[in-house]
Amino acid sequence: MPKLCVMPGDGIGQEVIPAAVAVLQAVIPDLETVEAEAGWACFLKNGASMPESTLATIRDCGAGLFGAVSSPSHKVEGYRSAIITMRQALNLYANVRPVQSWPHVSPRPGIDMIIVRENTEGLYSGRERIVDSEQFTVNSGQSGESSIQNRQSEIVLTAVAERVITRKASLRIAEKTKQIMTSQGREKLTIVHKANVLPITDGLFRDCVKEVFQEISATSAPTSARLSTSLRFKIDELLVDVAALKMLEDPERFDVIVTTNLFGDILSDAASYWGGGLGLAPSLNWGDGIAVAEPVHGSAPDIAGQGIANPIAAILSAAMLARYVWDLEEAAIRMETAVAHTLTHHPNLNTTQAITSAILNEI
């Protein structure tokens, strides 16, 4: 029986995640759910945005559905992003972002791609440091006052962030990409990198991906079968700046993209335009035997509590759990088909409840 850790989080996560759970339960009646805390409000209450108890619940369930987090715009002592903590603590090394055309909301038909992003290292490894700074004194009183108080301050002259690419992480994201392509019948892979400028780090990433996909022919039996199997995947590569251009002018050329953490973050956000924007974009943070689905849209504090948040991204994220984690392809298709029919027949619905009800009626 599938088990799900439900983490609404902050802002509109409190509204869209219950909608997604309702749709999931309509197609998977025996789904067991356990609710847990995570996010900024959780940090203010418990001193941790992602408590150990929540991580333990996700591990126990093997699957989680996370809503959104409201992060502070300035440094807060002791605070660390809930989603980054979750990705690293649970080793959710693959971020999977499907992008496809949807009725009425997509500016262009015929787009159907998956972006697979390495999710644990690169520039998001958290290895930042100050290597050069200058101290100066700020005078907080007025001239001539005996109670003048001074405090030392600092000008940062040089700050360094380390971009970490490992063979281990590059091989496993390639293996996960191959798994996705095999299960979904996808044939064309585009490796996106910047090896012309970063030949050591991005060169390592590119070469590891090629190594995994080239192993297909080496492990096949007869020569004839070897040729047939190796031709199952068509591999090409693009520099990330060229890939960004192609994402704008020729998005239909892409089937599956695999890339590093920062490049994948940027490209998948840009690609979401073709699927109706970030507000409709689903994602899956996926490791070995564990995954957390998450709509991309954020907590949207400007509309939180008004009942007008669109739950479709959360519902499509939940469908990814059905497809990739629980191997319930039929359930995933039912959810996605219900979303497509709702957008086709009820394009003007503008409340969370109305959209959810229409999707449930389609199911």
Protein backbone atom coordinates (compact mmCIF):
# COMPACT_ATOMS: atom_id res chain seq x y z
CA MET A 1 0.00 0.00 0.00
CA PRO A 2 1.49 3.40 -0.98
CA LYS A 3 2.37 5.72 1.91
CA LEU A 4 2.80 9.46 1.60
CA CYS A 5 4.28 12.09 3.91
CA VAL A 6 2.25 15.26 3.34
CA MET A 7 4.03 18.59 4.04
CA PRO A 8 1.86 21.59 3.08
CA GLY A 9 4.57 24.04 4.17
CA ASP A 10 3.93 27.78 3.91
CA GLY A 11 1.60 30.13 2.04
CA ILE A 12 -0.46 28.57 -0.73
CA GLY A 13 1.08 25.20 0.03
CA GLN A 14 -1.58 24.97 2.74
CA GLU A 15 -4.24 25.22 0.00
CA VAL A 16 -2.87 23.33 -3.00
CA ILE A 17 -1.43 20.28 -1.23
CA PRO A 18 -4.78 19.17 0.26
CA ALA A 19 -6.22 19.48 -3.27
CA ALA A 20 -3.46 17.28 -4.68
CA VAL A 21 -3.96 14.70 -1.94
CA ALA A 22 -7.70 14.59 -2.68
CA VAL A 23 -6.99 13.87 -6.36
CA LEU A 24 -4.39 11.25 -5.46
CA GLN A 25 -6.83 9.49 -3.15
CA ALA A 26 -9.46 9.50 -5.90
CA VAL A 27 -7.18 7.41 -8.15
CA ILE A 28 -5.37 5.50 -5.35
CA PRO A 29 -8.08 4.78 -2.75
CA ASP A 30 -5.76 2.79 -0.47
CA LEU A 31 -3.19 5.60 -0.21
CA GLU A 32 -2.06 6.13 3.39
CA THR A 33 -1.08 9.70 4.34
CA VAL A 34 0.86 11.12 7.27
CA GLU A 35 1.12 14.89 7.75
CA ALA A 36 4.38 16.52 8.88
CA GLU A 37 5.73 20.05 9.40
CA ALA A 38 8.29 21.85 7.24
CA GLY A 39 9.02 25.40 6.12
CA TRP A 40 9.49 28.88 7.52
CA ALA A 41 6.56 28.75 9.94
CA CYS A 42 7.94 25.43 11.16
CA PHE A 43 11.33 27.10 11.76
CA LEU A 44 9.73 29.91 13.76
CA LYS A 45 7.87 27.33 15.86
CA ASN A 46 10.48 24.59 16.24
CA GLY A 47 13.83 26.16 15.40
CA ALA A 48 14.24 23.99 12.29
CA SER A 49 12.70 24.32 8.83
CA MET A 50 13.03 20.58 8.25
CA PRO A 51 12.89 18.76 11.62
CA GLU A 52 14.49 15.36 12.03
CA SER A 53 11.04 13.96 12.81
CA THR A 54 9.81 15.05 9.37
CA LEU A 55 12.84 13.52 7.65
CA ALA A 56 12.17 10.29 9.54
CA THR A 57 8.55 10.28 8.38
CA ILE A 58 9.59 10.76 4.75
CA ARG A 59 12.06 7.88 5.07
CA ASP A 60 9.39 5.68 6.59
CA CYS A 61 6.89 6.48 3.82
CA GLY A 62 9.41 6.47 0.99
CA ALA A 63 7.52 9.37 -0.62
CA GLY A 64 6.66 12.94 0.26
CA LEU A 65 4.57 15.78 -1.17
CA PHE A 66 5.89 19.22 -0.24
CA GLY A 67 3.95 22.44 -0.80
CA ALA A 68 6.07 25.58 -0.56
CA VAL A 69 8.42 27.47 1.71
CA SER A 70 8.57 31.17 2.53
CA SER A 71 12.25 31.94 2.94
CA PRO A 72 13.52 35.14 4.59
CA SER A 73 15.12 37.72 2.31
CA HIS A 74 18.03 38.19 4.71
CA LYS A 75 20.32 35.90 6.69
CA VAL A 76 18.62 34.43 9.77
CA GLU A 77 20.83 32.68 12.26
CA GLY A 78 20.17 28.95 12.33
CA TYR A 79 17.86 28.94 9.32
CA ARG A 80 18.50 26.67 6.36
CA SER A 81 16.18 26.11 3.41
CA ALA A 82 13.78 23.24 4.02
CA ILE A 83 13.96 21.95 0.47
CA ILE A 84 17.77 22.07 0.27
CA THR A 85 18.02 20.34 3.64
CA MET A 86 15.60 17.67 2.45
CA ARG A 87 17.42 17.11 -0.85
CA GLN A 88 20.76 16.65 0.85
CA ALA A 89 19.66 14.75 3.96
CA LEU A 90 17.62 12.25 1.91
CA ASN A 91 20.08 12.17 -1.00
CA LEU A 92 17.42 13.24 -3.50
CA TYR A 93 20.02 13.59 -6.20
CA ALA A 94 17.75 13.93 -9.24
CA ASN A 95 15.36 16.77 -9.92
CA VAL A 96 12.90 15.84 -12.65
CA ARG A 97 10.91 18.58 -14.39
CA PRO A 98 8.50 17.59 -17.19
CA VAL A 99 7.34 20.37 -19.52
CA GLN A 100 4.47 19.85 -21.93
CA SER A 101 1.86 21.85 -23.74
CA TRP A 102 -1.52 22.12 -21.98
CA PRO A 103 -4.84 23.34 -23.41
CA HIS A 104 -5.48 27.10 -23.14
CA VAL A 105 -2.47 27.83 -20.91
CA SER A 106 0.47 26.93 -23.17
CA PRO A 107 1.57 29.47 -25.81
CA ARG A 108 2.56 26.70 -28.23
CA PRO A 109 1.33 23.13 -28.89
CA GLY A 110 3.42 20.02 -29.36
CA ILE A 111 6.04 20.52 -26.65
CA ASP A 112 6.90 17.50 -24.51
CA MET A 113 10.25 17.40 -22.72
CA ILE A 114 11.79 16.27 -19.44
CA ILE A 115 14.65 18.13 -17.78
CA VAL A 116 16.74 16.02 -15.40
CA ARG A 117 18.98 18.08 -13.14
CA GLU A 118 21.68 16.91 -10.76
CA ASN A 119 20.28 18.02 -7.44
CA THR A 120 23.00 17.85 -4.77
CA GLU A 121 26.20 19.56 -5.88
CA GLY A 122 27.53 22.08 -8.40
CA LEU A 123 27.30 25.69 -7.21
CA TYR A 124 24.58 24.65 -4.75
CA SER A 125 27.03 22.62 -2.68
CA GLY A 126 27.04 25.42 -0.10
CA ARG A 127 30.83 25.86 -0.16
CA GLU A 128 31.10 29.63 0.08
CA ARG A 129 33.75 31.59 1.91
CA ILE A 130 35.16 35.10 2.30
CA VAL A 131 38.84 35.19 1.36
CA ASP A 132 39.49 38.92 1.58
CA SER A 133 37.76 41.63 3.59
CA GLU A 134 38.44 44.98 5.19
CA GLN A 135 37.38 46.14 8.64
CA PHE A 136 36.18 49.65 9.27
CA THR A 137 34.54 51.51 12.15
CA VAL A 138 31.06 52.95 12.04
CA ASN A 139 30.44 55.89 14.39
CA SER A 140 26.86 55.57 15.72
CA GLY A 141 26.80 58.80 17.76
CA GLN A 142 27.03 62.49 17.02
CA SER A 143 30.29 64.37 17.04
CA GLY A 144 31.28 65.63 20.50
CA GLU A 145 28.93 63.36 22.46
CA SER A 146 30.55 61.49 25.35
CA SER A 147 28.24 58.51 24.83
CA ILE A 148 29.47 57.75 21.33
CA GLN A 149 29.36 54.00 20.66
CA ASN A 150 31.40 52.46 17.91
CA ARG A 151 30.96 49.10 16.26
CA GLN A 152 33.25 47.26 13.90
CA SER A 153 31.88 46.45 10.45
CA GLU A 154 33.27 44.70 7.41
CA ILE A 155 33.52 45.25 3.67
CA VAL A 156 33.78 41.99 1.78
CA LEU A 157 36.32 42.41 -1.00
CA THR A 158 36.42 38.85 -2.36
CA ALA A 159 33.95 36.02 -1.87
CA VAL A 160 34.38 32.55 -3.37
CA ALA A 161 31.86 29.79 -4.11
CA GLU A 162 33.16 26.35 -5.07
CA ARG A 163 31.49 24.47 -7.90
CA VAL A 164 31.70 20.80 -7.02
CA ILE A 165 31.24 18.10 -9.69
CA THR A 166 31.99 14.48 -8.78
CA ARG A 167 32.22 11.36 -10.86
CA LYS A 168 29.88 9.53 -8.48
CA ALA A 169 27.09 12.11 -8.73
CA SER A 170 27.51 12.49 -12.49
CA LEU A 171 27.25 8.74 -13.09
CA ARG A 172 24.19 8.30 -10.91
CA ILE A 173 22.28 11.20 -12.51
CA ALA A 174 23.07 9.65 -15.88
CA GLU A 175 21.76 6.29 -14.67
CA LYS A 176 18.59 7.92 -13.36
CA THR A 177 18.13 9.69 -16.70
CA LYS A 178 18.53 6.40 -18.55
CA GLN A 179 15.95 4.83 -16.21
CA ILE A 180 13.46 7.61 -16.95
CA MET A 181 14.02 7.41 -20.69
CA THR A 182 13.63 3.63 -20.71
CA SER A 183 10.43 3.67 -18.65
CA GLN A 184 8.88 6.48 -20.72
CA GLY A 185 10.02 5.28 -24.14
CA ARG A 186 12.12 8.40 -24.71
CA GLU A 187 14.89 8.23 -27.34
CA LYS A 188 16.74 11.54 -27.59
CA LEU A 189 19.04 12.87 -24.87
CA THR A 190 20.67 16.31 -24.87
CA ILE A 191 23.60 16.78 -22.47
CA VAL A 192 23.83 20.45 -21.50
CA HIS A 193 27.13 21.78 -20.14
CA LYS A 194 29.75 24.53 -20.49
CA ALA A 195 32.83 22.39 -20.99
CA ASN A 196 34.43 24.93 -23.33
CA VAL A 197 34.90 27.26 -20.34
CA LEU A 198 34.80 24.69 -17.51
CA PRO A 199 36.66 21.78 -19.10
CA ILE A 200 37.50 19.97 -15.86
CA THR A 201 34.15 20.11 -14.04
CA ASP A 202 31.73 20.13 -16.94
CA GLY A 203 34.05 17.91 -18.93
CA LEU A 204 33.79 15.33 -16.16
CA PHE A 205 30.00 15.62 -16.10
CA ARG A 206 29.63 15.26 -19.87
CA ASP A 207 32.04 12.34 -20.09
CA CYS A 208 30.31 10.45 -17.25
CA VAL A 209 26.90 10.80 -18.92
CA LYS A 210 28.33 9.54 -22.21
CA GLU A 211 30.00 6.65 -20.42
CA VAL A 212 26.71 5.46 -18.93
CA PHE A 213 24.84 5.60 -22.22
CA GLN A 214 27.68 4.02 -24.19
CA GLU A 215 27.65 1.05 -21.80
CA ILE A 216 24.38 -0.03 -23.41
CA SER A 217 26.09 -1.42 -26.51
CA ALA A 218 28.91 -2.98 -24.48
CA THR A 219 26.54 -5.01 -22.31
CA SER A 220 24.35 -6.30 -25.13
CA ALA A 221 24.88 -9.81 -26.46
CA PRO A 222 25.05 -10.41 -30.25
CA THR A 223 26.58 -7.81 -32.56
CA SER A 224 23.27 -7.28 -34.34
CA ALA A 225 21.47 -6.76 -31.03
CA ARG A 226 24.31 -4.53 -29.88
CA LEU A 227 23.77 -2.19 -32.81
CA SER A 228 20.00 -2.18 -32.34
CA THR A 229 20.22 -1.48 -28.59
CA SER A 230 22.83 1.23 -28.92
CA LEU A 231 20.68 3.02 -31.47
CA ARG A 232 17.77 3.15 -29.03
CA PHE A 233 19.13 6.42 -27.64
CA LYS A 234 20.26 9.38 -29.72
CA ILE A 235 22.75 11.48 -27.78
CA ASP A 236 23.72 15.05 -28.52
CA GLU A 237 25.14 17.92 -26.46
CA LEU A 238 24.75 21.68 -26.28
CA LEU A 239 26.57 24.45 -24.48
CA VAL A 240 24.20 25.93 -21.91
CA ASP A 241 23.98 29.34 -23.59
CA VAL A 242 23.08 27.71 -26.91
CA ALA A 243 20.57 25.47 -25.09
CA ALA A 244 18.93 28.57 -23.60
CA LEU A 245 18.58 30.06 -27.08
CA LYS A 246 17.14 26.83 -28.48
CA MET A 247 14.73 26.63 -25.54
CA LEU A 248 13.26 29.92 -26.77
CA GLU A 249 13.31 29.48 -30.53
CA ASP A 250 12.95 25.71 -31.02
CA PRO A 251 11.66 23.97 -27.86
CA GLU A 252 10.26 21.05 -29.89
CA ARG A 253 13.82 19.85 -30.55
CA PHE A 254 14.17 18.70 -26.93
CA ASP A 255 13.06 15.33 -25.61
CA VAL A 256 15.16 14.74 -22.47
CA ILE A 257 17.82 17.11 -21.12
CA VAL A 258 20.36 16.16 -18.45
CA THR A 259 22.50 18.86 -16.89
CA THR A 260 24.15 20.17 -13.72
CA ASN A 261 22.45 21.80 -10.77
CA LEU A 262 22.50 25.52 -11.55
CA PHE A 263 22.09 25.12 -15.31
CA GLY A 264 19.14 22.80 -14.73
CA ASP A 265 17.54 25.19 -12.28
CA ILE A 266 17.65 28.05 -14.79
CA LEU A 267 16.73 26.06 -17.90
CA SER A 268 13.79 24.28 -16.26
CA ASP A 269 12.34 27.57 -15.04
CA ALA A 270 12.69 29.03 -18.53
CA ALA A 271 11.16 25.91 -20.10
CA SER A 272 8.14 26.11 -17.79
CA TYR A 273 6.93 29.05 -19.91
CA TRP A 274 5.90 26.53 -22.58
CA GLY A 275 3.81 24.61 -20.06
CA GLY A 276 1.88 27.63 -18.82
CA GLY A 277 4.48 29.14 -16.50
CA LEU A 278 5.95 28.41 -13.09
CA GLY A 279 2.49 28.37 -11.55
CA LEU A 280 1.70 25.12 -13.39
CA ALA A 281 5.14 23.50 -13.19
CA PRO A 282 5.52 20.16 -11.34
CA SER A 283 8.75 18.57 -10.14
CA LEU A 284 10.09 15.48 -8.42
CA ASN A 285 13.14 15.29 -6.16
CA TRP A 286 14.17 11.66 -6.53
CA GLY A 287 16.80 9.42 -4.97
CA ASP A 288 17.15 5.69 -4.52
CA GLY A 289 13.93 4.29 -3.08
CA ILE A 290 12.73 7.69 -1.91
CA ALA A 291 11.26 10.82 -3.53
CA VAL A 292 9.58 14.12 -2.68
CA ALA A 293 7.28 15.80 -5.20
CA GLU A 294 7.04 19.57 -5.14
CA PRO A 295 5.22 22.20 -7.22
CA VAL A 296 7.70 24.81 -8.38
CA HIS A 297 5.62 27.92 -7.79
CA GLY A 298 6.64 28.86 -4.24
CA SER A 299 4.52 30.09 -1.35
CA ALA A 300 2.98 33.14 -3.13
CA PRO A 301 2.29 35.12 0.07
CA ASP A 302 0.47 37.82 -1.91
CA ILE A 303 -2.45 35.44 -2.63
CA ALA A 304 -2.16 33.01 0.29
CA GLY A 305 -5.40 32.43 2.16
CA GLN A 306 -7.60 33.84 -0.59
CA GLY A 307 -8.63 30.50 -2.08
CA ILE A 308 -7.45 31.45 -5.57
CA ALA A 309 -4.22 29.45 -5.82
CA ASN A 310 -4.10 27.09 -8.79
CA PRO A 311 -3.61 23.50 -7.53
CA ILE A 312 -2.64 22.04 -10.92
CA ALA A 313 1.14 22.13 -10.32
CA ALA A 314 0.68 20.27 -7.04
CA ILE A 315 -1.65 17.74 -8.69
CA LEU A 316 0.78 17.12 -11.55
CA SER A 317 3.62 16.75 -9.01
CA ALA A 318 1.56 14.15 -7.17
CA ALA A 319 1.04 12.33 -10.48
CA MET A 320 4.82 12.06 -10.77
CA LEU A 321 4.88 10.13 -7.49
CA ALA A 322 2.32 7.72 -8.92
CA ARG A 323 4.35 7.23 -12.09
CA TYR A 324 7.94 7.10 -10.91
CA VAL A 325 7.80 6.03 -7.26
CA TRP A 326 4.80 3.73 -6.97
CA ASP A 327 4.87 2.49 -10.58
CA LEU A 328 1.19 3.33 -11.01
CA GLU A 329 1.27 4.60 -14.57
CA GLU A 330 -2.49 4.29 -15.05
CA ALA A 331 -3.17 6.45 -11.99
CA ALA A 332 -0.74 9.10 -13.24
CA ILE A 333 -2.38 9.14 -16.67
CA ARG A 334 -5.83 9.49 -15.13
CA MET A 335 -4.71 12.51 -13.13
CA GLU A 336 -3.02 14.18 -16.10
CA THR A 337 -5.94 13.45 -18.40
CA ALA A 338 -8.34 14.97 -15.86
CA VAL A 339 -6.17 18.10 -15.75
CA ALA A 340 -6.13 18.34 -19.56
CA HIS A 341 -9.91 17.88 -19.80
CA THR A 342 -10.50 20.49 -17.10
CA LEU A 343 -8.32 23.03 -18.89
CA THR A 344 -10.12 22.23 -22.15
CA HIS A 345 -13.70 22.38 -20.90
CA HIS A 346 -13.39 24.75 -17.90
CA PRO A 347 -10.59 27.21 -18.75
CA ASN A 348 -12.03 30.10 -16.74
CA LEU A 349 -12.22 28.52 -13.28
CA ASN A 350 -10.44 30.81 -10.83
CA THR A 351 -10.63 29.28 -7.35
CA THR A 352 -8.70 26.41 -5.80
CA GLN A 353 -11.90 24.59 -4.89
CA ALA A 354 -13.51 25.01 -8.30
CA ILE A 355 -10.47 23.68 -10.16
CA THR A 356 -10.08 20.76 -7.73
CA SER A 357 -13.75 19.84 -7.98
CA ALA A 358 -13.64 19.94 -11.79
CA ILE A 359 -10.60 17.65 -11.87
CA LEU A 360 -12.24 15.24 -9.41
CA ASN A 361 -15.37 15.20 -11.56
CA GLU A 362 -13.26 14.34 -14.63
CA ILE A 363 -11.75 11.43 -12.73
